[in-house]
Protein backbone atom coordinates (compact mmCIF):
# COMPACT_ATOMS: atom_id res chain seq x y z
CA MET A 1 44.77 173.71 166.50
CA GLU A 2 41.89 175.31 168.43
CA LYS A 3 43.45 178.71 167.83
CA MET A 4 43.61 178.03 164.10
CA LYS A 5 39.98 176.96 164.07
CA GLY A 6 39.08 180.24 165.76
CA LEU A 7 40.94 182.20 163.09
CA LEU A 8 39.31 180.27 160.27
CA LYS A 9 35.82 180.50 161.73
CA PRO A 10 33.74 183.04 159.76
CA ARG A 11 32.87 186.22 161.62
CA ALA A 12 29.29 186.33 162.85
CA THR A 13 26.96 188.70 161.06
CA PRO A 14 25.09 191.36 163.06
CA GLN A 15 21.93 189.26 162.75
CA GLN A 16 23.72 186.18 164.11
CA GLN A 17 25.18 188.19 166.97
CA LEU A 18 21.74 189.56 167.78
CA ARG A 19 20.14 186.10 167.88
CA GLU A 20 22.89 184.80 170.17
CA TRP A 21 22.66 187.80 172.52
CA GLN A 22 18.88 187.59 172.65
CA ARG A 23 19.01 183.85 173.35
CA ARG A 24 21.32 184.44 176.31
CA LEU A 25 19.20 187.32 177.55
CA ARG A 26 16.13 185.07 177.50
CA ASN A 27 18.03 182.46 179.50
CA GLU A 28 18.92 185.09 182.10
CA CYS A 29 15.25 186.12 182.31
CA ARG A 30 14.29 182.50 182.99
CA VAL A 31 16.89 182.31 185.77
CA LEU A 32 15.41 185.45 187.34
CA ASP A 33 11.91 183.95 187.08
CA ARG A 34 13.07 180.89 189.02
CA GLN A 35 14.62 183.08 191.69
CA ILE A 36 11.41 185.08 192.01
CA ARG A 37 9.33 181.91 192.40
CA ASP A 38 11.71 180.53 195.03
CA VAL A 39 11.63 183.73 197.09
CA GLN A 40 7.84 184.04 196.87
CA ARG A 41 7.40 180.40 197.88
CA GLU A 42 9.53 180.94 200.97
CA GLU A 43 7.62 184.15 201.78
CA LYS A 44 4.48 182.06 202.33
CA ASN A 45 6.25 180.21 205.13
CA VAL A 46 7.39 183.51 206.65
CA GLU A 47 3.85 184.90 206.59
CA LYS A 48 2.64 181.79 208.42
CA ALA A 49 5.41 182.19 211.02
CA ILE A 50 4.43 185.85 211.54
CA ARG A 51 0.82 184.88 212.21
CA GLU A 52 1.90 182.26 214.72
CA ALA A 53 4.25 184.68 216.50
CA ALA A 54 1.55 187.36 216.65
CA LYS A 55 -0.98 184.90 218.09
CA ARG A 56 1.33 184.05 220.98
CA ASN A 57 2.10 187.76 221.50
CA ASP A 58 5.76 187.28 220.54
CA MET A 59 6.17 190.62 218.78
CA GLY A 60 9.95 190.44 218.86
CA SER A 61 9.95 187.43 216.55
CA ALA A 62 7.03 188.81 214.53
CA LYS A 63 8.87 192.07 213.82
CA ALA A 64 12.11 190.27 212.96
CA LEU A 65 10.25 188.02 210.53
CA ALA A 66 8.32 190.96 209.09
CA LYS A 67 11.60 192.75 208.42
CA GLU A 68 12.91 189.73 206.55
CA LEU A 69 9.67 189.64 204.58
CA VAL A 70 10.04 193.31 203.63
CA ARG A 71 13.59 192.70 202.44
CA SER A 72 12.48 189.70 200.39
CA ARG A 73 9.72 191.68 198.73
CA ARG A 74 12.22 194.40 197.88
CA ALA A 75 14.51 191.73 196.44
CA VAL A 76 11.66 190.41 194.27
CA ASN A 77 10.89 193.92 193.02
CA ARG A 78 14.55 194.36 192.13
CA LEU A 79 14.53 191.06 190.22
CA TYR A 80 11.47 192.17 188.27
CA GLU A 81 13.24 195.44 187.43
CA ASN A 82 16.32 193.52 186.28
CA LYS A 83 14.16 191.32 184.07
CA ALA A 84 12.50 194.37 182.50
CA GLN A 85 15.92 195.88 181.80
CA LEU A 86 17.13 192.66 180.16
CA ASN A 87 14.11 192.76 177.87
CA SER A 88 14.85 196.41 177.13
CA VAL A 89 18.43 195.57 176.13
CA SER A 90 17.11 192.89 173.77
CA MET A 91 14.69 195.36 172.19
CA HIS A 92 17.35 198.03 171.70
CA LEU A 93 19.73 195.47 170.18
CA GLY A 94 17.03 194.60 167.65
CA GLU A 95 16.76 198.27 166.71
CA ILE A 96 20.54 198.52 166.33
CA VAL A 97 20.67 195.50 164.02
CA ALA A 98 17.76 196.84 161.96
CA THR A 99 19.69 200.09 161.50
CA ALA A 100 22.83 198.14 160.59
CA ARG A 101 21.07 196.75 157.54
CA THR A 102 20.94 200.29 156.20
CA VAL A 103 24.28 201.74 157.31
CA GLY A 104 26.23 198.50 156.97
CA HIS A 105 27.60 198.28 160.50
CA LEU A 106 26.53 198.15 164.14
CA SER A 107 26.32 201.57 165.76
CA LYS A 108 26.87 202.48 169.39
CA SER A 109 23.89 202.92 171.68
CA ALA A 110 24.01 205.17 174.72
CA GLU A 111 20.81 203.57 176.02
CA VAL A 112 22.26 200.05 175.87
CA MET A 113 25.39 201.28 177.63
CA LYS A 114 23.30 202.85 180.37
CA ILE A 115 21.18 199.74 180.97
CA VAL A 116 24.09 197.30 180.82
CA ASN A 117 26.10 199.45 183.24
CA ASN A 118 23.14 199.46 185.62
CA LEU A 119 22.71 195.68 185.38
CA MET A 120 26.40 195.19 186.09
CA LYS A 121 25.63 196.51 189.59
CA ALA A 122 23.07 193.75 190.22
CA PRO A 123 24.66 190.87 192.15
CA GLU A 124 22.56 188.33 190.22
CA LEU A 125 23.76 189.58 186.82
CA ALA A 126 27.14 191.22 187.41
CA THR A 127 29.30 188.48 185.88
CA THR A 128 27.00 187.87 182.90
CA MET A 129 26.66 191.56 182.07
CA GLN A 130 30.42 192.08 182.28
CA GLU A 131 30.76 189.43 179.57
CA PHE A 132 28.04 191.13 177.52
CA SER A 133 29.81 194.45 177.94
CA LYS A 134 33.06 193.05 176.54
CA GLU A 135 31.31 191.39 173.59
CA MET A 136 29.22 194.45 172.73
CA THR A 137 32.25 196.72 173.03
CA LYS A 138 34.15 194.47 170.62
CA ALA A 139 31.18 194.46 168.24
CA GLY A 140 30.99 198.26 168.30
CA VAL A 141 27.65 198.55 170.14
CA MET A 142 29.22 200.00 173.30
CA GLU A 143 32.25 201.96 174.38
CA GLU A 144 34.58 200.52 176.98
CA MET A 145 33.56 201.65 180.43
CA MET A 146 34.49 201.15 184.04
CA ASN A 147 31.99 199.32 186.19
CA ASP A 148 31.01 201.11 189.38
CA ALA A 149 31.07 199.33 192.71
CA VAL A 150 28.19 196.94 193.22
CA ASP A 151 25.32 198.68 194.96
CA SER A 152 24.13 197.31 198.27
CA ALA A 153 21.11 199.56 198.49
CA LEU A 154 18.96 196.75 199.88
CA ASP A 155 21.00 196.72 203.08
CA SER A 156 22.09 200.36 203.28
CA GLU A 157 21.49 202.31 206.48
CA ASP A 158 19.49 205.03 204.76
CA MET A 159 16.77 202.47 203.98
CA GLU A 160 16.46 201.13 207.52
CA GLU A 161 13.94 203.77 208.57
CA GLU A 162 11.80 203.11 205.52
CA ILE A 163 11.96 199.36 206.16
CA GLU A 164 10.86 199.90 209.76
CA GLU A 165 7.83 201.81 208.54
CA GLU A 166 6.94 198.94 206.24
CA VAL A 167 7.21 196.39 209.05
CA ASP A 168 4.06 197.62 210.79
CA LYS A 169 2.18 197.47 207.49
CA VAL A 170 3.29 193.89 206.98
CA LEU A 171 2.28 192.92 210.51
CA ALA A 172 -1.13 194.49 210.05
CA SER A 173 -1.78 192.83 206.68
CA VAL A 174 -0.35 189.40 207.49
CA ALA A 175 -1.31 188.95 211.12
CA GLY A 176 -4.57 190.86 210.78
CA GLU A 177 -6.50 191.76 213.89
CA THR A 178 -4.06 189.98 216.18
CA ALA A 179 -1.19 192.26 215.13
CA SER A 180 -3.34 195.39 215.14
CA GLN A 181 -4.10 194.81 218.81
CA LEU A 182 -0.40 194.78 219.71
CA PRO A 183 1.26 197.91 218.24
CA ASP A 184 2.45 199.23 221.63
CA ALA A 185 4.24 195.97 222.40
CA ALA A 186 6.00 196.19 219.06
CA ARG A 187 7.14 199.78 219.45
CA THR A 188 8.19 199.93 223.11
CA PRO A 189 10.64 197.78 225.04
CA LYS A 190 8.31 197.50 228.04
CA VAL A 191 5.31 195.24 227.85
CA LYS A 192 2.38 195.74 230.17
CA GLN A 193 2.23 193.04 232.76
CA ALA A 194 -0.90 190.98 233.22
CA SER A 195 -2.29 190.14 236.61
CA THR A 196 0.34 189.12 239.15
CA SER A 197 -1.13 185.63 239.38
CA ARG A 198 -0.25 184.98 235.70
CA VAL A 199 3.28 186.42 235.66
CA PRO A 200 5.11 183.26 236.87
CA GLU A 201 3.28 181.12 234.31
CA GLU A 202 4.06 183.54 231.48
CA ARG A 203 7.73 183.78 232.42
CA GLN A 204 7.99 180.01 232.51
CA ALA A 205 6.35 179.70 229.09
CA VAL A 206 8.65 182.31 227.61
CA ALA A 207 11.72 180.61 229.05
CA GLU A 208 10.67 177.24 227.64
CA GLY A 209 9.83 178.56 224.19
CA ALA A 210 12.57 181.16 223.70
CA ASP A 211 15.22 178.77 222.46
CA ASP A 212 12.88 177.05 220.01
CA ASP A 213 11.60 180.39 218.68
CA GLU A 214 15.13 181.67 218.15
CA GLU A 215 16.12 178.51 216.28
CA ASP A 216 13.04 178.73 214.07
CA LEU A 217 13.74 182.38 213.37
CA GLU A 218 17.34 181.71 212.40
CA GLU A 219 16.27 178.83 210.16
CA ILE A 220 13.75 181.01 208.33
CA ARG A 221 16.31 183.80 207.92
CA ALA A 222 18.80 181.32 206.49
CA ARG A 223 16.27 179.97 203.99
CA LEU A 224 15.30 183.47 202.87
CA ALA A 225 18.94 184.50 202.48
CA LYS A 226 19.58 181.38 200.39
CA VAL A 227 16.71 181.95 197.93
CA ARG A 228 17.51 185.68 197.66
CA SER A 229 21.16 185.05 196.79
């Protein structure tokens, strides 16, 4: 019975298809907006943790947190780019439908194909854009194409050096003067020892706080990973 209903259902006009596609694209943009807000909200907590680590001269934790912050900011930038591309697809679809009123049918768009193919590589949109690709191919807006492997540029080795360069900038901007006074400790494995009378006290403090710091760091990393996914 459901199959018969599908056969009897009138075929959507180009204008109806456009409205439906644009509605779904707007929904995807709203989802991205929520993800962006969640990541940025969590970044505030990371910035606070960086300040606290820098104040107690724990540059190991500060750098680890700063690296997570850099990755989160890159993730937010990528989400903004994805949102802009979704809006671009919607705009180009409007142009295609406007042309269809003259020629009588939907025409293929190389630009839409290019953008959709790019969005299919985004983890947040891969499944949705694969569905769009099938629908637009069936409607004649796109040609059938093979989706490339999902990019993992955010975590690729060739970006590690660039991320490391950004870490110092983050430390300087977030931790302010405290971080700027400690660049040598951040870049070299050996830390200058204070007076011999203070060494036992410092070692004891480090030993007592190391476990707690590591747990806090792992918790923050987990929260960031969750909101970025």
